[in-house]
Amino acid sequence: MSPTGTGRPLLDADEARVARASRELTKLAAAMVSRPMDRDLHEQMRSFLETESEPALTSWDVLVARTPDELKERISTVLTAQALRRVS
């Protein structure tokens, strides 16, 4: 995702990685509720844990280490870019 006209991604690499991991884990968790003994689903979870979990956790550590001022700045930047996207 990039703000209109900038060519730059809306989210930085750590933010994007955490967002992707969160979406994938939510999808897997919801599927586990309805299909708890699905072997394919278990394999998908194992694959996620083996390949994506550690990088996502490392990115999470980066995000939670941000100061309140850094977080406010990022929120402002993202919200502004989203608003500009909507009006264009």
PDB file of N, CA and C in Angstrom:
ATOM      1  N   MET A   1       0.837  -1.188   0.000  1.00  0.00           N
ATOM      2  CA  MET A   1       0.000   0.000   0.000  1.00  0.00           C
ATOM      3  C   MET A   1       0.877   1.244   0.000  1.00  0.00           C
ATOM      4  N   SER A   2       0.630   2.132  -0.919  1.00  0.00           N
ATOM      5  CA  SER A   2       1.391   3.365  -0.922  1.00  0.00           C
ATOM      6  C   SER A   2       0.446   4.546  -1.015  1.00  0.00           C
ATOM      7  N   PRO A   3       0.806   5.644  -0.344  1.00  0.00           N
ATOM      8  CA  PRO A   3      -0.031   6.837  -0.435  1.00  0.00           C
ATOM      9  C   PRO A   3      -0.101   7.324  -1.870  1.00  0.00           C
ATOM     10  N   THR A   4      -1.207   7.913  -2.245  1.00  0.00           N
ATOM     11  CA  THR A   4      -1.404   8.407  -3.594  1.00  0.00           C
ATOM     12  C   THR A   4      -0.297   9.363  -3.992  1.00  0.00           C
ATOM     13  N   GLY A   5       0.319   9.056  -5.136  1.00  0.00           N
ATOM     14  CA  GLY A   5       1.301   9.959  -5.704  1.00  0.00           C
ATOM     15  C   GLY A   5       2.688   9.895  -5.102  1.00  0.00           C
ATOM     16  N   THR A   6       2.926   9.125  -4.063  1.00  0.00           N
ATOM     17  CA  THR A   6       4.260   9.117  -3.457  1.00  0.00           C
ATOM     18  C   THR A   6       5.082   7.927  -3.897  1.00  0.00           C
ATOM     19  N   GLY A   7       4.431   6.814  -4.257  1.00  0.00           N
ATOM     20  CA  GLY A   7       5.161   5.624  -4.611  1.00  0.00           C
ATOM     21  C   GLY A   7       5.767   4.924  -3.403  1.00  0.00           C
ATOM     22  N   ARG A   8       5.600   5.485  -2.223  1.00  0.00           N
ATOM     23  CA  ARG A   8       6.128   4.890  -0.995  1.00  0.00           C
ATOM     24  C   ARG A   8       5.045   4.064  -0.325  1.00  0.00           C
ATOM     25  N   PRO A   9       5.447   2.948   0.277  1.00  0.00           N
ATOM     26  CA  PRO A   9       4.454   2.139   0.993  1.00  0.00           C
ATOM     27  C   PRO A   9       3.852   2.911   2.163  1.00  0.00           C
ATOM     28  N   LEU A  10       2.582   2.660   2.418  1.00  0.00           N
ATOM     29  CA  LEU A  10       1.900   3.299   3.537  1.00  0.00           C
ATOM     30  C   LEU A  10       2.462   2.798   4.858  1.00  0.00           C
ATOM     31  N   LEU A  11       2.681   1.477   4.952  1.00  0.00           N
ATOM     32  CA  LEU A  11       3.226   0.880   6.162  1.00  0.00           C
ATOM     33  C   LEU A  11       4.708   0.582   5.968  1.00  0.00           C
ATOM     34  N   ASP A  12       5.487   0.711   7.038  1.00  0.00           N
ATOM     35  CA  ASP A  12       6.882   0.306   6.919  1.00  0.00           C
ATOM     36  C   ASP A  12       6.955  -1.215   6.964  1.00  0.00           C
ATOM     37  N   ALA A  13       8.130  -1.784   6.757  1.00  0.00           N
ATOM     38  CA  ALA A  13       8.287  -3.237   6.651  1.00  0.00           C
ATOM     39  C   ALA A  13       7.800  -3.957   7.906  1.00  0.00           C
ATOM     40  N   ASP A  14       8.129  -3.434   9.081  1.00  0.00           N
ATOM     41  CA  ASP A  14       7.708  -4.079  10.320  1.00  0.00           C
ATOM     42  C   ASP A  14       6.195  -4.017  10.485  1.00  0.00           C
ATOM     43  N   GLU A  15       5.609  -2.872  10.192  1.00  0.00           N
ATOM     44  CA  GLU A  15       4.150  -2.729  10.303  1.00  0.00           C
ATOM     45  C   GLU A  15       3.438  -3.681   9.349  1.00  0.00           C
ATOM     46  N   ALA A  16       3.935  -3.756   8.116  1.00  0.00           N
ATOM     47  CA  ALA A  16       3.323  -4.633   7.117  1.00  0.00           C
ATOM     48  C   ALA A  16       3.453  -6.096   7.521  1.00  0.00           C
ATOM     49  N   ARG A  17       4.624  -6.490   8.019  1.00  0.00           N
ATOM     50  CA  ARG A  17       4.843  -7.874   8.431  1.00  0.00           C
ATOM     51  C   ARG A  17       3.900  -8.265   9.571  1.00  0.00           C
ATOM     52  N   VAL A  18       3.764  -7.388  10.552  1.00  0.00           N
ATOM     53  CA  VAL A  18       2.873  -7.662  11.685  1.00  0.00           C
ATOM     54  C   VAL A  18       1.417  -7.724  11.210  1.00  0.00           C
ATOM     55  N   ALA A  19       1.032  -6.830  10.326  1.00  0.00           N
ATOM     56  CA  ALA A  19      -0.348  -6.835   9.812  1.00  0.00           C
ATOM     57  C   ALA A  19      -0.644  -8.123   9.052  1.00  0.00           C
ATOM     58  N   ARG A  20       0.294  -8.547   8.183  1.00  0.00           N
ATOM     59  CA  ARG A  20       0.092  -9.795   7.439  1.00  0.00           C
ATOM     60  C   ARG A  20      -0.005 -10.988   8.387  1.00  0.00           C
ATOM     61  N   ALA A  21       0.898 -11.047   9.361  1.00  0.00           N
ATOM     62  CA  ALA A  21       0.894 -12.161  10.318  1.00  0.00           C
ATOM     63  C   ALA A  21      -0.398 -12.167  11.128  1.00  0.00           C
ATOM     64  N   SER A  22      -0.847 -11.015  11.535  1.00  0.00           N
ATOM     65  CA  SER A  22      -2.082 -10.928  12.319  1.00  0.00           C
ATOM     66  C   SER A  22      -3.272 -11.431  11.514  1.00  0.00           C
ATOM     67  N   ARG A  23      -3.358 -11.019  10.256  1.00  0.00           N
ATOM     68  CA  ARG A  23      -4.457 -11.492   9.397  1.00  0.00           C
ATOM     69  C   ARG A  23      -4.397 -13.003   9.214  1.00  0.00           C
ATOM     70  N   GLU A  24      -3.197 -13.527   8.946  1.00  0.00           N
ATOM     71  CA  GLU A  24      -3.047 -14.961   8.726  1.00  0.00           C
ATOM     72  C   GLU A  24      -3.377 -15.758   9.989  1.00  0.00           C
ATOM     73  N   LEU A  25      -2.887 -15.304  11.131  1.00  0.00           N
ATOM     74  CA  LEU A  25      -3.174 -16.005  12.387  1.00  0.00           C
ATOM     75  C   LEU A  25      -4.656 -15.952  12.740  1.00  0.00           C
ATOM     76  N   THR A  26      -5.300 -14.845  12.478  1.00  0.00           N
ATOM     77  CA  THR A  26      -6.729 -14.733  12.738  1.00  0.00           C
ATOM     78  C   THR A  26      -7.499 -15.702  11.850  1.00  0.00           C
ATOM     79  N   LYS A  27      -7.105 -15.774  10.579  1.00  0.00           N
ATOM     80  CA  LYS A  27      -7.742 -16.698   9.645  1.00  0.00           C
ATOM     81  C   LYS A  27      -7.541 -18.146  10.116  1.00  0.00           C
ATOM     82  N   LEU A  28      -6.317 -18.495  10.494  1.00  0.00           N
ATOM     83  CA  LEU A  28      -6.030 -19.853  10.957  1.00  0.00           C
ATOM     84  C   LEU A  28      -6.779 -20.178  12.251  1.00  0.00           C
ATOM     85  N   ALA A  29      -6.801 -19.230  13.168  1.00  0.00           N
ATOM     86  CA  ALA A  29      -7.490 -19.458  14.445  1.00  0.00           C
ATOM     87  C   ALA A  29      -8.980 -19.675  14.228  1.00  0.00           C
ATOM     88  N   ALA A  30      -9.585 -18.894  13.376  1.00  0.00           N
ATOM     89  CA  ALA A  30     -11.015 -19.056  13.088  1.00  0.00           C
ATOM     90  C   ALA A  30     -11.272 -20.420  12.450  1.00  0.00           C
ATOM     91  N   ALA A  31     -10.400 -20.827  11.555  1.00  0.00           N
ATOM     92  CA  ALA A  31     -10.559 -22.129  10.913  1.00  0.00           C
ATOM     93  C   ALA A  31     -10.386 -23.255  11.921  1.00  0.00           C
ATOM     94  N   MET A  32      -9.485 -23.084  12.877  1.00  0.00           N
ATOM     95  CA  MET A  32      -9.262 -24.110  13.901  1.00  0.00           C
ATOM     96  C   MET A  32     -10.513 -24.316  14.761  1.00  0.00           C
ATOM     97  N   VAL A  33     -11.291 -23.273  14.961  1.00  0.00           N
ATOM     98  CA  VAL A  33     -12.521 -23.400  15.744  1.00  0.00           C
ATOM     99  C   VAL A  33     -13.506 -24.295  15.010  1.00  0.00           C
ATOM    100  N   SER A  34     -13.644 -24.090  13.724  1.00  0.00           N
ATOM    101  CA  SER A  34     -14.642 -24.864  12.977  1.00  0.00           C
ATOM    102  C   SER A  34     -14.118 -26.214  12.487  1.00  0.00           C
ATOM    103  N   ARG A  35     -12.795 -26.337  12.334  1.00  0.00           N
ATOM    104  CA  ARG A  35     -12.221 -27.593  11.822  1.00  0.00           C
ATOM    105  C   ARG A  35     -10.991 -27.988  12.649  1.00  0.00           C
ATOM    106  N   PRO A  36     -11.152 -28.256  13.939  1.00  0.00           N
ATOM    107  CA  PRO A  36      -9.991 -28.475  14.809  1.00  0.00           C
ATOM    108  C   PRO A  36      -9.143 -29.696  14.460  1.00  0.00           C
ATOM    109  N   MET A  37      -9.677 -30.662  13.743  1.00  0.00           N
ATOM    110  CA  MET A  37      -8.913 -31.873  13.421  1.00  0.00           C
ATOM    111  C   MET A  37      -8.549 -31.969  11.939  1.00  0.00           C
ATOM    112  N   ASP A  38      -8.572 -30.842  11.250  1.00  0.00           N
ATOM    113  CA  ASP A  38      -8.230 -30.803   9.834  1.00  0.00           C
ATOM    114  C   ASP A  38      -6.708 -30.859   9.684  1.00  0.00           C
ATOM    115  N   ARG A  39      -6.200 -31.945   9.107  1.00  0.00           N
ATOM    116  CA  ARG A  39      -4.749 -32.126   8.971  1.00  0.00           C
ATOM    117  C   ARG A  39      -4.107 -31.030   8.122  1.00  0.00           C
ATOM    118  N   ASP A  40      -4.775 -30.627   7.058  1.00  0.00           N
ATOM    119  CA  ASP A  40      -4.234 -29.570   6.204  1.00  0.00           C
ATOM    120  C   ASP A  40      -4.100 -28.267   6.985  1.00  0.00           C
ATOM    121  N   LEU A  41      -5.075 -27.980   7.797  1.00  0.00           N
ATOM    122  CA  LEU A  41      -5.047 -26.776   8.622  1.00  0.00           C
ATOM    123  C   LEU A  41      -3.887 -26.826   9.624  1.00  0.00           C
ATOM    124  N   HIS A  42      -3.674 -27.995  10.208  1.00  0.00           N
ATOM    125  CA  HIS A  42      -2.541 -28.158  11.127  1.00  0.00           C
ATOM    126  C   HIS A  42      -1.219 -27.918  10.386  1.00  0.00           C
ATOM    127  N   GLU A  43      -1.146 -28.397   9.157  1.00  0.00           N
ATOM    128  CA  GLU A  43       0.072 -28.189   8.363  1.00  0.00           C
ATOM    129  C   GLU A  43       0.260 -26.702   8.039  1.00  0.00           C
ATOM    130  N   GLN A  44      -0.821 -26.019   7.745  1.00  0.00           N
ATOM    131  CA  GLN A  44      -0.723 -24.576   7.489  1.00  0.00           C
ATOM    132  C   GLN A  44      -0.207 -23.843   8.720  1.00  0.00           C
ATOM    133  N   MET A  45      -0.695 -24.219   9.890  1.00  0.00           N
ATOM    134  CA  MET A  45      -0.242 -23.597  11.135  1.00  0.00           C
ATOM    135  C   MET A  45       1.233 -23.890  11.370  1.00  0.00           C
ATOM    136  N   ARG A  46       1.636 -25.150  11.183  1.00  0.00           N
ATOM    137  CA  ARG A  46       3.054 -25.501  11.355  1.00  0.00           C
ATOM    138  C   ARG A  46       3.927 -24.699  10.404  1.00  0.00           C
ATOM    139  N   SER A  47       3.494 -24.600   9.167  1.00  0.00           N
ATOM    140  CA  SER A  47       4.256 -23.855   8.167  1.00  0.00           C
ATOM    141  C   SER A  47       4.399 -22.390   8.570  1.00  0.00           C
ATOM    142  N   PHE A  48       3.298 -21.806   9.024  1.00  0.00           N
ATOM    143  CA  PHE A  48       3.362 -20.411   9.473  1.00  0.00           C
ATOM    144  C   PHE A  48       4.358 -20.269  10.621  1.00  0.00           C
ATOM    145  N   LEU A  49       4.265 -21.154  11.595  1.00  0.00           N
ATOM    146  CA  LEU A  49       5.144 -21.070  12.760  1.00  0.00           C
ATOM    147  C   LEU A  49       6.608 -21.261  12.374  1.00  0.00           C
ATOM    148  N   GLU A  50       6.880 -22.118  11.414  1.00  0.00           N
ATOM    149  CA  GLU A  50       8.256 -22.381  10.997  1.00  0.00           C
ATOM    150  C   GLU A  50       8.842 -21.259  10.158  1.00  0.00           C
ATOM    151  N   THR A  51       8.025 -20.586   9.364  1.00  0.00           N
ATOM    152  CA  THR A  51       8.571 -19.614   8.412  1.00  0.00           C
ATOM    153  C   THR A  51       8.296 -18.147   8.746  1.00  0.00           C
ATOM    154  N   GLU A  52       7.124 -17.850   9.272  1.00  0.00           N
ATOM    155  CA  GLU A  52       6.723 -16.458   9.430  1.00  0.00           C
ATOM    156  C   GLU A  52       6.654 -15.966  10.865  1.00  0.00           C
ATOM    157  N   SER A  53       6.548 -16.879  11.789  1.00  0.00           N
ATOM    158  CA  SER A  53       6.330 -16.493  13.179  1.00  0.00           C
ATOM    159  C   SER A  53       7.479 -15.656  13.748  1.00  0.00           C
ATOM    160  N   GLU A  54       8.691 -16.136  13.640  1.00  0.00           N
ATOM    161  CA  GLU A  54       9.818 -15.424  14.245  1.00  0.00           C
ATOM    162  C   GLU A  54      10.035 -14.035  13.636  1.00  0.00           C
ATOM    163  N   PRO A  55      10.020 -13.899  12.292  1.00  0.00           N
ATOM    164  CA  PRO A  55      10.139 -12.541  11.736  1.00  0.00           C
ATOM    165  C   PRO A  55       9.009 -11.615  12.199  1.00  0.00           C
ATOM    166  N   ALA A  56       7.799 -12.152  12.310  1.00  0.00           N
ATOM    167  CA  ALA A  56       6.677 -11.323  12.768  1.00  0.00           C
ATOM    168  C   ALA A  56       6.860 -10.908  14.220  1.00  0.00           C
ATOM    169  N   LEU A  57       7.326 -11.832  15.058  1.00  0.00           N
ATOM    170  CA  LEU A  57       7.574 -11.491  16.457  1.00  0.00           C
ATOM    171  C   LEU A  57       8.696 -10.469  16.600  1.00  0.00           C
ATOM    172  N   THR A  58       9.708 -10.585  15.776  1.00  0.00           N
ATOM    173  CA  THR A  58      10.803  -9.602  15.791  1.00  0.00           C
ATOM    174  C   THR A  58      10.271  -8.225  15.394  1.00  0.00           C
ATOM    175  N   SER A  59       9.430  -8.188  14.364  1.00  0.00           N
ATOM    176  CA  SER A  59       8.831  -6.913  13.952  1.00  0.00           C
ATOM    177  C   SER A  59       7.922  -6.366  15.045  1.00  0.00           C
ATOM    178  N   TRP A  60       7.189  -7.238  15.718  1.00  0.00           N
ATOM    179  CA  TRP A  60       6.329  -6.810  16.826  1.00  0.00           C
ATOM    180  C   TRP A  60       7.175  -6.138  17.908  1.00  0.00           C
ATOM    181  N   ASP A  61       8.326  -6.737  18.223  1.00  0.00           N
ATOM    182  CA  ASP A  61       9.216  -6.146  19.224  1.00  0.00           C
ATOM    183  C   ASP A  61       9.658  -4.745  18.814  1.00  0.00           C
ATOM    184  N   VAL A  62       9.916  -4.556  17.519  1.00  0.00           N
ATOM    185  CA  VAL A  62      10.292  -3.234  17.006  1.00  0.00           C
ATOM    186  C   VAL A  62       9.153  -2.246  17.225  1.00  0.00           C
ATOM    187  N   LEU A  63       7.936  -2.675  16.926  1.00  0.00           N
ATOM    188  CA  LEU A  63       6.786  -1.778  17.050  1.00  0.00           C
ATOM    189  C   LEU A  63       6.507  -1.402  18.500  1.00  0.00           C
ATOM    190  N   VAL A  64       6.573  -2.369  19.401  1.00  0.00           N
ATOM    191  CA  VAL A  64       6.253  -2.043  20.791  1.00  0.00           C
ATOM    192  C   VAL A  64       7.380  -1.272  21.476  1.00  0.00           C
ATOM    193  N   ALA A  65       8.546  -1.231  20.863  1.00  0.00           N
ATOM    194  CA  ALA A  65       9.649  -0.456  21.421  1.00  0.00           C
ATOM    195  C   ALA A  65       9.567   1.029  21.037  1.00  0.00           C
ATOM    196  N   ARG A  66       8.648   1.379  20.147  1.00  0.00           N
ATOM    197  CA  ARG A  66       8.512   2.778  19.733  1.00  0.00           C
ATOM    198  C   ARG A  66       7.996   3.617  20.896  1.00  0.00           C
ATOM    199  N   THR A  67       8.467   4.839  20.927  1.00  0.00           N
ATOM    200  CA  THR A  67       8.033   5.764  21.963  1.00  0.00           C
ATOM    201  C   THR A  67       6.619   6.252  21.646  1.00  0.00           C
ATOM    202  N   PRO A  68       5.923   6.783  22.636  1.00  0.00           N
ATOM    203  CA  PRO A  68       4.594   7.344  22.358  1.00  0.00           C
ATOM    204  C   PRO A  68       4.624   8.400  21.253  1.00  0.00           C
ATOM    205  N   ASP A  69       5.653   9.233  21.231  1.00  0.00           N
ATOM    206  CA  ASP A  69       5.738  10.250  20.173  1.00  0.00           C
ATOM    207  C   ASP A  69       5.926   9.611  18.796  1.00  0.00           C
ATOM    208  N   GLU A  70       6.733   8.574  18.718  1.00  0.00           N
ATOM    209  CA  GLU A  70       6.915   7.876  17.439  1.00  0.00           C
ATOM    210  C   GLU A  70       5.604   7.233  16.989  1.00  0.00           C
ATOM    211  N   LEU A  71       4.887   6.641  17.921  1.00  0.00           N
ATOM    212  CA  LEU A  71       3.600   6.025  17.584  1.00  0.00           C
ATOM    213  C   LEU A  71       2.593   7.064  17.105  1.00  0.00           C
ATOM    214  N   LYS A  72       2.524   8.189  17.787  1.00  0.00           N
ATOM    215  CA  LYS A  72       1.605   9.265  17.374  1.00  0.00           C
ATOM    216  C   LYS A  72       1.953   9.751  15.974  1.00  0.00           C
ATOM    217  N   GLU A  73       3.234   9.888  15.689  1.00  0.00           N
ATOM    218  CA  GLU A  73       3.670  10.345  14.362  1.00  0.00           C
ATOM    219  C   GLU A  73       3.268   9.335  13.281  1.00  0.00           C
ATOM    220  N   ARG A  74       3.479   8.050  13.536  1.00  0.00           N
ATOM    221  CA  ARG A  74       3.113   7.021  12.570  1.00  0.00           C
ATOM    222  C   ARG A  74       1.601   6.999  12.346  1.00  0.00           C
ATOM    223  N   ILE A  75       0.835   7.098  13.424  1.00  0.00           N
ATOM    224  CA  ILE A  75      -0.623   7.108  13.294  1.00  0.00           C
ATOM    225  C   ILE A  75      -1.064   8.296  12.455  1.00  0.00           C
ATOM    226  N   SER A  76      -0.507   9.447  12.730  1.00  0.00           N
ATOM    227  CA  SER A  76      -0.848  10.649  11.973  1.00  0.00           C
ATOM    228  C   SER A  76      -0.491  10.484  10.493  1.00  0.00           C
ATOM    229  N   THR A  77       0.674   9.955  10.224  1.00  0.00           N
ATOM    230  CA  THR A  77       1.126   9.759   8.844  1.00  0.00           C
ATOM    231  C   THR A  77       0.197   8.802   8.095  1.00  0.00           C
ATOM    232  N   VAL A  78      -0.127   7.685   8.716  1.00  0.00           N
ATOM    233  CA  VAL A  78      -0.976   6.686   8.070  1.00  0.00           C
ATOM    234  C   VAL A  78      -2.390   7.225   7.863  1.00  0.00           C
ATOM    235  N   LEU A  79      -2.959   7.866   8.882  1.00  0.00           N
ATOM    236  CA  LEU A  79      -4.312   8.406   8.743  1.00  0.00           C
ATOM    237  C   LEU A  79      -4.382   9.500   7.686  1.00  0.00           C
ATOM    238  N   THR A  80      -3.386  10.347   7.624  1.00  0.00           N
ATOM    239  CA  THR A  80      -3.337  11.401   6.610  1.00  0.00           C
ATOM    240  C   THR A  80      -3.262  10.800   5.213  1.00  0.00           C
ATOM    241  N   ALA A  81      -2.404   9.806   5.059  1.00  0.00           N
ATOM    242  CA  ALA A  81      -2.252   9.156   3.742  1.00  0.00           C
ATOM    243  C   ALA A  81      -3.561   8.474   3.341  1.00  0.00           C
ATOM    244  N   GLN A  82      -4.227   7.831   4.282  1.00  0.00           N
ATOM    245  CA  GLN A  82      -5.512   7.186   3.972  1.00  0.00           C
ATOM    246  C   GLN A  82      -6.557   8.211   3.585  1.00  0.00           C
ATOM    247  N   ALA A  83      -6.596   9.331   4.281  1.00  0.00           N
ATOM    248  CA  ALA A  83      -7.571  10.387   3.949  1.00  0.00           C
ATOM    249  C   ALA A  83      -7.303  10.947   2.562  1.00  0.00           C
ATOM    250  N   LEU A  84      -6.037  11.163   2.239  1.00  0.00           N
ATOM    251  CA  LEU A  84      -5.686  11.672   0.912  1.00  0.00           C
ATOM    252  C   LEU A  84      -6.072  10.672  -0.172  1.00  0.00           C
ATOM    253  N   ARG A  85      -5.921   9.407   0.111  1.00  0.00           N
ATOM    254  CA  ARG A  85      -6.285   8.364  -0.839  1.00  0.00           C
ATOM    255  C   ARG A  85      -7.780   8.373  -1.127  1.00  0.00           C
ATOM    256  N   ARG A  86      -8.564   8.598  -0.069  1.00  0.00           N
ATOM    257  CA  ARG A  86     -10.022   8.586  -0.229  1.00  0.00           C
ATOM    258  C   ARG A  86     -10.525   9.748  -1.079  1.00  0.00           C
ATOM    259  N   VAL A  87      -9.883  10.893  -0.966  1.00  0.00           N
ATOM    260  CA  VAL A  87     -10.365  12.056  -1.713  1.00  0.00           C
ATOM    261  C   VAL A  87      -9.835  12.097  -3.128  1.00  0.00           C
ATOM    262  N   SER A  88      -8.861  11.275  -3.442  1.00  0.00           N
ATOM    263  CA  SER A  88      -8.335  11.293  -4.814  1.00  0.00           C
ATOM    264  C   SER A  88      -9.032  10.318  -5.715  1.00  0.00           C
TER     265      SER A  88
END
